[in-house]
């Protein structure tokens, strides 16, 4: 293998690893923003005249009931559902992302 071929192979491996890293960081940030945002809007008390409450994004009183799978709704949709989605997405990506040969 010539030096040019080796450098091209290393660049291809680096670019692929960088793409996977960016995808991972993006998905992690999306889950973080959803979890923190949803739990803040639905799990904490807000003033009834607050702008987010008037728009319907937040609730004036934190919900304890109704329960979903034994958890308050805001825990189910804010923590449990993103965790399950991240796990399913990780499993799916681990099977469908191509492997790079590290040795030849």
Protein backbone atom coordinates (compact mmCIF):
# COMPACT_ATOMS: atom_id res chain seq x y z
CA UNK A 1 0.00 0.00 0.00
CA UNK A 2 1.44 3.33 -1.00
CA UNK A 3 1.54 6.38 1.25
CA UNK A 4 -1.20 8.08 -0.80
CA UNK A 5 -3.52 5.07 -0.49
CA UNK A 6 -2.83 4.86 3.24
CA UNK A 7 -3.59 8.56 3.71
CA UNK A 8 -6.79 8.26 1.65
CA UNK A 9 -7.88 5.27 3.75
CA UNK A 10 -7.12 7.10 6.99
CA UNK A 11 -9.04 10.14 5.78
CA UNK A 12 -12.03 7.96 4.88
CA UNK A 13 -11.95 6.35 8.35
CA UNK A 14 -11.58 9.74 10.01
CA UNK A 15 -14.45 11.27 8.02
CA UNK A 16 -16.72 8.34 8.83
CA UNK A 17 -15.85 8.47 12.54
CA UNK A 18 -16.41 12.24 12.56
CA UNK A 19 -19.84 11.78 10.92
CA UNK A 20 -20.82 9.16 13.51
CA UNK A 21 -19.60 11.42 16.29
CA UNK A 22 -21.62 14.38 15.02
CA UNK A 23 -24.71 12.18 14.72
CA UNK A 24 -24.24 10.95 18.28
CA UNK A 25 -23.79 14.45 19.69
CA UNK A 26 -26.83 15.74 17.75
CA UNK A 27 -29.06 12.92 19.03
CA UNK A 28 -27.77 13.38 22.56
CA UNK A 29 -28.45 17.13 22.45
CA UNK A 30 -31.92 16.57 21.02
CA UNK A 31 -32.77 14.16 23.86
CA UNK A 32 -31.31 16.57 26.43
CA UNK A 33 -33.29 19.55 25.13
CA UNK A 34 -36.51 17.51 25.01
CA UNK A 35 -36.04 16.02 28.49
CA UNK A 36 -35.07 19.23 30.26
CA UNK A 37 -37.58 21.36 28.38
CA UNK A 38 -40.55 19.02 28.74
CA UNK A 39 -39.87 18.28 32.41
CA UNK A 40 -39.46 21.98 33.18
CA UNK A 41 -42.68 22.91 31.36
CA UNK A 42 -44.81 20.06 32.71
CA UNK A 43 -43.20 19.04 36.00
CA UNK A 44 -42.89 22.37 37.80
CA UNK A 45 -45.48 24.89 38.92
CA UNK A 46 -45.75 28.04 36.81
CA UNK A 47 -47.76 31.21 37.39
CA UNK A 48 -51.18 31.01 35.79
CA UNK A 49 -50.57 34.27 33.91
CA UNK A 50 -47.14 33.27 32.59
CA UNK A 51 -46.72 33.53 28.83
CA UNK A 52 -45.88 29.84 28.37
CA UNK A 53 -49.01 28.84 30.29
CA UNK A 54 -51.17 31.16 28.18
CA UNK A 55 -49.69 29.65 25.00
CA UNK A 56 -50.47 26.15 26.33
CA UNK A 57 -46.86 24.96 26.48
CA UNK A 58 -46.63 24.83 30.29
CA UNK A 59 -49.09 23.91 33.00
CA UNK A 60 -49.84 26.11 36.01
CA UNK A 61 -49.79 23.16 38.43
CA UNK A 62 -47.46 20.18 38.07
CA UNK A 63 -49.29 17.03 37.08
CA UNK A 64 -49.13 14.07 39.41
CA UNK A 65 -52.17 12.33 38.00
CA UNK A 66 -53.05 10.74 35.61
CA UNK A 67 -50.43 8.04 35.79
CA UNK A 68 -49.00 6.19 32.84
CA UNK A 69 -47.26 2.88 33.64
CA UNK A 70 -47.20 3.98 37.28
CA UNK A 71 -45.40 7.25 36.51
CA UNK A 72 -46.75 10.79 36.29
CA UNK A 73 -47.38 11.82 32.70
CA UNK A 74 -44.55 14.35 32.67
CA UNK A 75 -42.05 11.69 33.81
CA UNK A 76 -43.30 9.23 31.20
CA UNK A 77 -43.12 11.69 28.27
CA UNK A 78 -40.16 13.70 29.55
CA UNK A 79 -37.81 10.95 30.75
CA UNK A 80 -39.01 7.43 29.95
CA UNK A 81 -40.11 7.93 26.33
CA UNK A 82 -36.87 9.69 25.22
CA UNK A 83 -34.83 6.99 26.98
CA UNK A 84 -36.69 4.24 25.12
CA UNK A 85 -36.37 6.13 21.81
CA UNK A 86 -32.63 6.66 22.33
CA UNK A 87 -32.16 2.98 23.13
CA UNK A 88 -34.09 1.87 20.04
CA UNK A 89 -32.23 4.35 17.85
CA UNK A 90 -28.86 3.22 19.21
CA UNK A 91 -29.72 -0.42 18.56
CA UNK A 92 -30.94 0.38 15.06
CA UNK A 93 -27.88 2.43 14.17
CA UNK A 94 -25.53 -0.21 15.54
CA UNK A 95 -26.97 -2.74 13.07
CA UNK A 96 -27.25 -0.48 10.02
CA UNK A 97 -24.18 1.77 10.12
CA UNK A 98 -21.43 0.19 8.05
CA UNK A 99 -18.26 -1.08 9.71
CA UNK A 100 -14.95 0.20 8.48
CA UNK A 101 -12.18 -2.34 8.01
CA UNK A 102 -9.35 -1.29 10.31
CA UNK A 103 -6.87 -3.85 8.97
CA UNK A 104 -6.33 -5.39 5.60
